[in-house]
Amino acid sequence: GLEMVVILTIRRDGTVTNTYIEKKSRDPFFDQFVMKTIQSVDAMPRFPPLMRQQSIEVGLRFRPGELVTAN
């Protein structure tokens, strides 16, 4: 099935500073949907005080059958 993997770099304050595609799906429309969805997020939650890193990289895996819509 289709799968896209995107890597985000997130700073302590929740700002997403870098986004890159590690693996594209075989469907350009799905890839475009995923990237637009990620770009629509203003920020992630701040790191908790005990977390000392200045930034982290997070891998996100997207599959069409696992997408959920909010009502």
PDB file of N, CA and C in Angstrom:
ATOM      1  N   GLY A   1       0.801  -1.186   0.000  1.00  0.00           N
ATOM      2  CA  GLY A   1       0.000   0.000   0.000  1.00  0.00           C
ATOM      3  C   GLY A   1       0.847   1.253   0.000  1.00  0.00           C
ATOM      4  N   LEU A   2       0.187   2.360  -0.086  1.00  0.00           N
ATOM      5  CA  LEU A   2       0.877   3.649  -0.078  1.00  0.00           C
ATOM      6  C   LEU A   2       1.420   3.958   1.307  1.00  0.00           C
ATOM      7  N   GLU A   3       2.598   4.556   1.327  1.00  0.00           N
ATOM      8  CA  GLU A   3       3.192   4.984   2.587  1.00  0.00           C
ATOM      9  C   GLU A   3       4.159   6.119   2.299  1.00  0.00           C
ATOM     10  N   MET A   4       4.117   7.131   3.140  1.00  0.00           N
ATOM     11  CA  MET A   4       5.041   8.254   3.040  1.00  0.00           C
ATOM     12  C   MET A   4       5.651   8.462   4.415  1.00  0.00           C
ATOM     13  N   VAL A   5       6.967   8.716   4.451  1.00  0.00           N
ATOM     14  CA  VAL A   5       7.653   8.970   5.714  1.00  0.00           C
ATOM     15  C   VAL A   5       8.263  10.365   5.644  1.00  0.00           C
ATOM     16  N   VAL A   6       7.937  11.184   6.646  1.00  0.00           N
ATOM     17  CA  VAL A   6       8.421  12.562   6.717  1.00  0.00           C
ATOM     18  C   VAL A   6       9.162  12.735   8.038  1.00  0.00           C
ATOM     19  N   ILE A   7      10.314  13.407   7.984  1.00  0.00           N
ATOM     20  CA  ILE A   7      11.108  13.684   9.175  1.00  0.00           C
ATOM     21  C   ILE A   7      10.972  15.166   9.514  1.00  0.00           C
ATOM     22  N   LEU A   8      10.630  15.462  10.771  1.00  0.00           N
ATOM     23  CA  LEU A   8      10.520  16.843  11.252  1.00  0.00           C
ATOM     24  C   LEU A   8      11.609  17.108  12.283  1.00  0.00           C
ATOM     25  N   THR A   9      12.185  18.296  12.243  1.00  0.00           N
ATOM     26  CA  THR A   9      13.056  18.758  13.318  1.00  0.00           C
ATOM     27  C   THR A   9      12.243  19.753  14.131  1.00  0.00           C
ATOM     28  N   ILE A  10      12.137  19.494  15.435  1.00  0.00           N
ATOM     29  CA  ILE A  10      11.317  20.319  16.322  1.00  0.00           C
ATOM     30  C   ILE A  10      12.208  20.924  17.399  1.00  0.00           C
ATOM     31  N   ARG A  11      12.114  22.246  17.584  1.00  0.00           N
ATOM     32  CA  ARG A  11      12.893  22.944  18.621  1.00  0.00           C
ATOM     33  C   ARG A  11      12.171  22.903  19.957  1.00  0.00           C
ATOM     34  N   ARG A  12      12.887  23.259  21.013  1.00  0.00           N
ATOM     35  CA  ARG A  12      12.343  23.256  22.384  1.00  0.00           C
ATOM     36  C   ARG A  12      11.009  23.971  22.503  1.00  0.00           C
ATOM     37  N   ASP A  13      10.873  25.090  21.777  1.00  0.00           N
ATOM     38  CA  ASP A  13       9.650  25.890  21.890  1.00  0.00           C
ATOM     39  C   ASP A  13       8.497  25.331  21.053  1.00  0.00           C
ATOM     40  N   GLY A  14       8.729  24.216  20.358  1.00  0.00           N
ATOM     41  CA  GLY A  14       7.690  23.592  19.552  1.00  0.00           C
ATOM     42  C   GLY A  14       7.720  23.985  18.083  1.00  0.00           C
ATOM     43  N   THR A  15       8.613  24.892  17.719  1.00  0.00           N
ATOM     44  CA  THR A  15       8.728  25.322  16.333  1.00  0.00           C
ATOM     45  C   THR A  15       9.285  24.194  15.467  1.00  0.00           C
ATOM     46  N   VAL A  16       8.655  23.960  14.338  1.00  0.00           N
ATOM     47  CA  VAL A  16       9.167  22.991  13.373  1.00  0.00           C
ATOM     48  C   VAL A  16      10.129  23.738  12.462  1.00  0.00           C
ATOM     49  N   THR A  17      11.417  23.363  12.498  1.00  0.00           N
ATOM     50  CA  THR A  17      12.427  24.111  11.755  1.00  0.00           C
ATOM     51  C   THR A  17      12.846  23.444  10.459  1.00  0.00           C
ATOM     52  N   ASN A  18      12.573  22.167  10.329  1.00  0.00           N
ATOM     53  CA  ASN A  18      12.989  21.472   9.118  1.00  0.00           C
ATOM     54  C   ASN A  18      12.020  20.324   8.852  1.00  0.00           C
ATOM     55  N   THR A  19      11.690  20.147   7.611  1.00  0.00           N
ATOM     56  CA  THR A  19      10.825  19.044   7.195  1.00  0.00           C
ATOM     57  C   THR A  19      11.424  18.446   5.938  1.00  0.00           C
ATOM     58  N   TYR A  20      11.641  17.152   5.945  1.00  0.00           N
ATOM     59  CA  TYR A  20      12.076  16.535   4.698  1.00  0.00           C
ATOM     60  C   TYR A  20      11.438  15.165   4.523  1.00  0.00           C
ATOM     61  N   ILE A  21      11.313  14.792   3.276  1.00  0.00           N
ATOM     62  CA  ILE A  21      10.679  13.524   2.926  1.00  0.00           C
ATOM     63  C   ILE A  21      11.743  12.440   2.906  1.00  0.00           C
ATOM     64  N   GLU A  22      11.564  11.449   3.752  1.00  0.00           N
ATOM     65  CA  GLU A  22      12.480  10.307   3.758  1.00  0.00           C
ATOM     66  C   GLU A  22      12.045   9.261   2.728  1.00  0.00           C
ATOM     67  N   LYS A  23      10.726   9.125   2.567  1.00  0.00           N
ATOM     68  CA  LYS A  23      10.200   8.146   1.612  1.00  0.00           C
ATOM     69  C   LYS A  23       8.905   8.682   1.013  1.00  0.00           C
ATOM     70  N   LYS A  24       8.876   8.811  -0.306  1.00  0.00           N
ATOM     71  CA  LYS A  24       7.652   9.225  -0.994  1.00  0.00           C
ATOM     72  C   LYS A  24       6.772   8.009  -1.244  1.00  0.00           C
ATOM     73  N   SER A  25       5.477   8.263  -1.290  1.00  0.00           N
ATOM     74  CA  SER A  25       4.563   7.206  -1.729  1.00  0.00           C
ATOM     75  C   SER A  25       4.631   7.175  -3.256  1.00  0.00           C
ATOM     76  N   ARG A  26       3.881   6.320  -3.851  1.00  0.00           N
ATOM     77  CA  ARG A  26       3.849   6.281  -5.315  1.00  0.00           C
ATOM     78  C   ARG A  26       2.720   7.139  -5.868  1.00  0.00           C
ATOM     79  N   ASP A  27       2.101   7.941  -5.002  1.00  0.00           N
ATOM     80  CA  ASP A  27       0.967   8.770  -5.409  1.00  0.00           C
ATOM     81  C   ASP A  27       1.273  10.234  -5.109  1.00  0.00           C
ATOM     82  N   PRO A  28       1.547  11.040  -6.140  1.00  0.00           N
ATOM     83  CA  PRO A  28       1.894  12.445  -5.901  1.00  0.00           C
ATOM     84  C   PRO A  28       0.782  13.243  -5.218  1.00  0.00           C
ATOM     85  N   PHE A  29      -0.475  12.877  -5.434  1.00  0.00           N
ATOM     86  CA  PHE A  29      -1.575  13.589  -4.774  1.00  0.00           C
ATOM     87  C   PHE A  29      -1.575  13.320  -3.270  1.00  0.00           C
ATOM     88  N   PHE A  30      -1.311  12.079  -2.887  1.00  0.00           N
ATOM     89  CA  PHE A  30      -1.218  11.733  -1.466  1.00  0.00           C
ATOM     90  C   PHE A  30      -0.042  12.465  -0.826  1.00  0.00           C
ATOM     91  N   ASP A  31       1.109  12.465  -1.500  1.00  0.00           N
ATOM     92  CA  ASP A  31       2.289  13.163  -0.976  1.00  0.00           C
ATOM     93  C   ASP A  31       2.001  14.649  -0.776  1.00  0.00           C
ATOM     94  N   GLN A  32       1.331  15.255  -1.741  1.00  0.00           N
ATOM     95  CA  GLN A  32       0.992  16.676  -1.645  1.00  0.00           C
ATOM     96  C   GLN A  32       0.040  16.920  -0.471  1.00  0.00           C
ATOM     97  N   PHE A  33      -0.934  16.051  -0.282  1.00  0.00           N
ATOM     98  CA  PHE A  33      -1.866  16.167   0.840  1.00  0.00           C
ATOM     99  C   PHE A  33      -1.122  16.099   2.173  1.00  0.00           C
ATOM    100  N   VAL A  34      -0.213  15.140   2.294  1.00  0.00           N
ATOM    101  CA  VAL A  34       0.560  14.989   3.535  1.00  0.00           C
ATOM    102  C   VAL A  34       1.380  16.244   3.804  1.00  0.00           C
ATOM    103  N   MET A  35       2.087  16.753   2.803  1.00  0.00           N
ATOM    104  CA  MET A  35       2.937  17.928   3.017  1.00  0.00           C
ATOM    105  C   MET A  35       2.105  19.167   3.355  1.00  0.00           C
ATOM    106  N   LYS A  36       0.968  19.352   2.715  1.00  0.00           N
ATOM    107  CA  LYS A  36       0.100  20.492   3.049  1.00  0.00           C
ATOM    108  C   LYS A  36      -0.424  20.368   4.473  1.00  0.00           C
ATOM    109  N   THR A  37      -0.748  19.155   4.884  1.00  0.00           N
ATOM    110  CA  THR A  37      -1.228  18.932   6.248  1.00  0.00           C
ATOM    111  C   THR A  37      -0.146  19.286   7.259  1.00  0.00           C
ATOM    112  N   ILE A  38       1.075  18.846   7.021  1.00  0.00           N
ATOM    113  CA  ILE A  38       2.187  19.149   7.932  1.00  0.00           C
ATOM    114  C   ILE A  38       2.443  20.651   7.971  1.00  0.00           C
ATOM    115  N   GLN A  39       2.425  21.307   6.825  1.00  0.00           N
ATOM    116  CA  GLN A  39       2.687  22.746   6.767  1.00  0.00           C
ATOM    117  C   GLN A  39       1.594  23.562   7.438  1.00  0.00           C
ATOM    118  N   SER A  40       0.407  22.996   7.601  1.00  0.00           N
ATOM    119  CA  SER A  40      -0.685  23.732   8.241  1.00  0.00           C
ATOM    120  C   SER A  40      -0.558  23.759   9.767  1.00  0.00           C
ATOM    121  N   VAL A  41       0.354  22.969  10.309  1.00  0.00           N
ATOM    122  CA  VAL A  41       0.567  22.943  11.762  1.00  0.00           C
ATOM    123  C   VAL A  41       1.497  24.096  12.126  1.00  0.00           C
ATOM    124  N   ASP A  42       1.021  25.000  12.991  1.00  0.00           N
ATOM    125  CA  ASP A  42       1.836  26.150  13.382  1.00  0.00           C
ATOM    126  C   ASP A  42       3.005  25.747  14.265  1.00  0.00           C
ATOM    127  N   ALA A  43       2.746  24.919  15.254  1.00  0.00           N
ATOM    128  CA  ALA A  43       3.807  24.497  16.169  1.00  0.00           C
ATOM    129  C   ALA A  43       3.365  23.238  16.901  1.00  0.00           C
ATOM    130  N   MET A  44       4.336  22.552  17.412  1.00  0.00           N
ATOM    131  CA  MET A  44       4.101  21.376  18.241  1.00  0.00           C
ATOM    132  C   MET A  44       4.144  21.831  19.705  1.00  0.00           C
ATOM    133  N   PRO A  45       3.758  20.973  20.641  1.00  0.00           N
ATOM    134  CA  PRO A  45       3.855  21.356  22.061  1.00  0.00           C
ATOM    135  C   PRO A  45       5.310  21.611  22.468  1.00  0.00           C
ATOM    136  N   ARG A  46       5.488  22.518  23.427  1.00  0.00           N
ATOM    137  CA  ARG A  46       6.828  22.782  23.971  1.00  0.00           C
ATOM    138  C   ARG A  46       7.365  21.524  24.645  1.00  0.00           C
ATOM    139  N   PHE A  47       8.685  21.414  24.715  1.00  0.00           N
ATOM    140  CA  PHE A  47       9.294  20.290  25.420  1.00  0.00           C
ATOM    141  C   PHE A  47       9.048  20.451  26.915  1.00  0.00           C
ATOM    142  N   PRO A  48       8.882  19.361  27.641  1.00  0.00           N
ATOM    143  CA  PRO A  48       8.760  19.459  29.099  1.00  0.00           C
ATOM    144  C   PRO A  48      10.089  19.920  29.703  1.00  0.00           C
ATOM    145  N   PRO A  49      10.060  20.557  30.879  1.00  0.00           N
ATOM    146  CA  PRO A  49      11.280  21.102  31.492  1.00  0.00           C
ATOM    147  C   PRO A  49      12.398  20.071  31.683  1.00  0.00           C
ATOM    148  N   LEU A  50      12.068  18.833  31.955  1.00  0.00           N
ATOM    149  CA  LEU A  50      13.104  17.823  32.183  1.00  0.00           C
ATOM    150  C   LEU A  50      13.794  17.362  30.902  1.00  0.00           C
ATOM    151  N   MET A  51      13.226  17.701  29.776  1.00  0.00           N
ATOM    152  CA  MET A  51      13.822  17.325  28.490  1.00  0.00           C
ATOM    153  C   MET A  51      14.861  18.380  28.129  1.00  0.00           C
ATOM    154  N   ARG A  52      16.118  17.992  28.073  1.00  0.00           N
ATOM    155  CA  ARG A  52      17.221  18.956  27.925  1.00  0.00           C
ATOM    156  C   ARG A  52      17.632  19.253  26.485  1.00  0.00           C
ATOM    157  N   GLN A  53      17.201  18.437  25.540  1.00  0.00           N
ATOM    158  CA  GLN A  53      17.610  18.649  24.153  1.00  0.00           C
ATOM    159  C   GLN A  53      17.119  20.000  23.636  1.00  0.00           C
ATOM    160  N   GLN A  54      17.912  20.593  22.749  1.00  0.00           N
ATOM    161  CA  GLN A  54      17.511  21.840  22.096  1.00  0.00           C
ATOM    162  C   GLN A  54      16.565  21.568  20.930  1.00  0.00           C
ATOM    163  N   SER A  55      16.697  20.382  20.336  1.00  0.00           N
ATOM    164  CA  SER A  55      15.809  19.991  19.238  1.00  0.00           C
ATOM    165  C   SER A  55      15.803  18.465  19.136  1.00  0.00           C
ATOM    166  N   ILE A  56      14.774  17.955  18.470  1.00  0.00           N
ATOM    167  CA  ILE A  56      14.687  16.521  18.206  1.00  0.00           C
ATOM    168  C   ILE A  56      14.217  16.311  16.772  1.00  0.00           C
ATOM    169  N   GLU A  57      14.543  15.152  16.233  1.00  0.00           N
ATOM    170  CA  GLU A  57      14.007  14.748  14.937  1.00  0.00           C
ATOM    171  C   GLU A  57      12.959  13.680  15.182  1.00  0.00           C
ATOM    172  N   VAL A  58      11.827  13.832  14.519  1.00  0.00           N
ATOM    173  CA  VAL A  58      10.721  12.896  14.676  1.00  0.00           C
ATOM    174  C   VAL A  58      10.322  12.392  13.296  1.00  0.00           C
ATOM    175  N   GLY A  59      10.219  11.089  13.162  1.00  0.00           N
ATOM    176  CA  GLY A  59       9.763  10.492  11.910  1.00  0.00           C
ATOM    177  C   GLY A  59       8.273  10.202  11.982  1.00  0.00           C
ATOM    178  N   LEU A  60       7.551  10.617  10.970  1.00  0.00           N
ATOM    179  CA  LEU A  60       6.111  10.370  10.899  1.00  0.00           C
ATOM    180  C   LEU A  60       5.812   9.515   9.674  1.00  0.00           C
ATOM    181  N   ARG A  61       5.053   8.455   9.876  1.00  0.00           N
ATOM    182  CA  ARG A  61       4.681   7.546   8.793  1.00  0.00           C
ATOM    183  C   ARG A  61       3.198   7.755   8.484  1.00  0.00           C
ATOM    184  N   PHE A  62       2.898   8.011   7.223  1.00  0.00           N
ATOM    185  CA  PHE A  62       1.520   8.249   6.795  1.00  0.00           C
ATOM    186  C   PHE A  62       1.087   7.145   5.841  1.00  0.00           C
ATOM    187  N   ARG A  63      -0.083   6.578   6.127  1.00  0.00           N
ATOM    188  CA  ARG A  63      -0.710   5.577   5.258  1.00  0.00           C
ATOM    189  C   ARG A  63      -2.171   5.984   5.087  1.00  0.00           C
ATOM    190  N   PRO A  64      -2.699   5.986   3.867  1.00  0.00           N
ATOM    191  CA  PRO A  64      -4.068   6.467   3.653  1.00  0.00           C
ATOM    192  C   PRO A  64      -5.119   5.762   4.496  1.00  0.00           C
ATOM    193  N   GLY A  65      -5.019   4.492   4.696  1.00  0.00           N
ATOM    194  CA  GLY A  65      -6.019   3.762   5.462  1.00  0.00           C
ATOM    195  C   GLY A  65      -6.001   4.076   6.937  1.00  0.00           C
ATOM    196  N   GLU A  66      -4.956   4.755   7.400  1.00  0.00           N
ATOM    197  CA  GLU A  66      -4.816   5.061   8.817  1.00  0.00           C
ATOM    198  C   GLU A  66      -5.090   6.521   9.131  1.00  0.00           C
ATOM    199  N   LEU A  67      -5.472   7.300   8.133  1.00  0.00           N
ATOM    200  CA  LEU A  67      -5.778   8.704   8.367  1.00  0.00           C
ATOM    201  C   LEU A  67      -7.138   8.820   9.033  1.00  0.00           C
ATOM    202  N   VAL A  68      -7.228   9.704   9.994  1.00  0.00           N
ATOM    203  CA  VAL A  68      -8.470   9.894  10.746  1.00  0.00           C
ATOM    204  C   VAL A  68      -8.904  11.336  10.582  1.00  0.00           C
ATOM    205  N   THR A  69     -10.190  11.564  10.384  1.00  0.00           N
ATOM    206  CA  THR A  69     -10.701  12.925  10.303  1.00  0.00           C
ATOM    207  C   THR A  69     -11.444  13.258  11.583  1.00  0.00           C
ATOM    208  N   ALA A  70     -11.342  14.504  11.996  1.00  0.00           N
ATOM    209  CA  ALA A  70     -12.049  14.964  13.196  1.00  0.00           C
ATOM    210  C   ALA A  70     -13.445  15.418  12.799  1.00  0.00           C
ATOM    211  N   ASN A  71     -14.407  15.127  13.625  1.00  0.00           N
ATOM    212  CA  ASN A  71     -15.791  15.546  13.357  1.00  0.00           C
ATOM    213  C   ASN A  71     -16.105  16.842  14.053  1.00  0.00           C
TER     214      ASN A  71
END
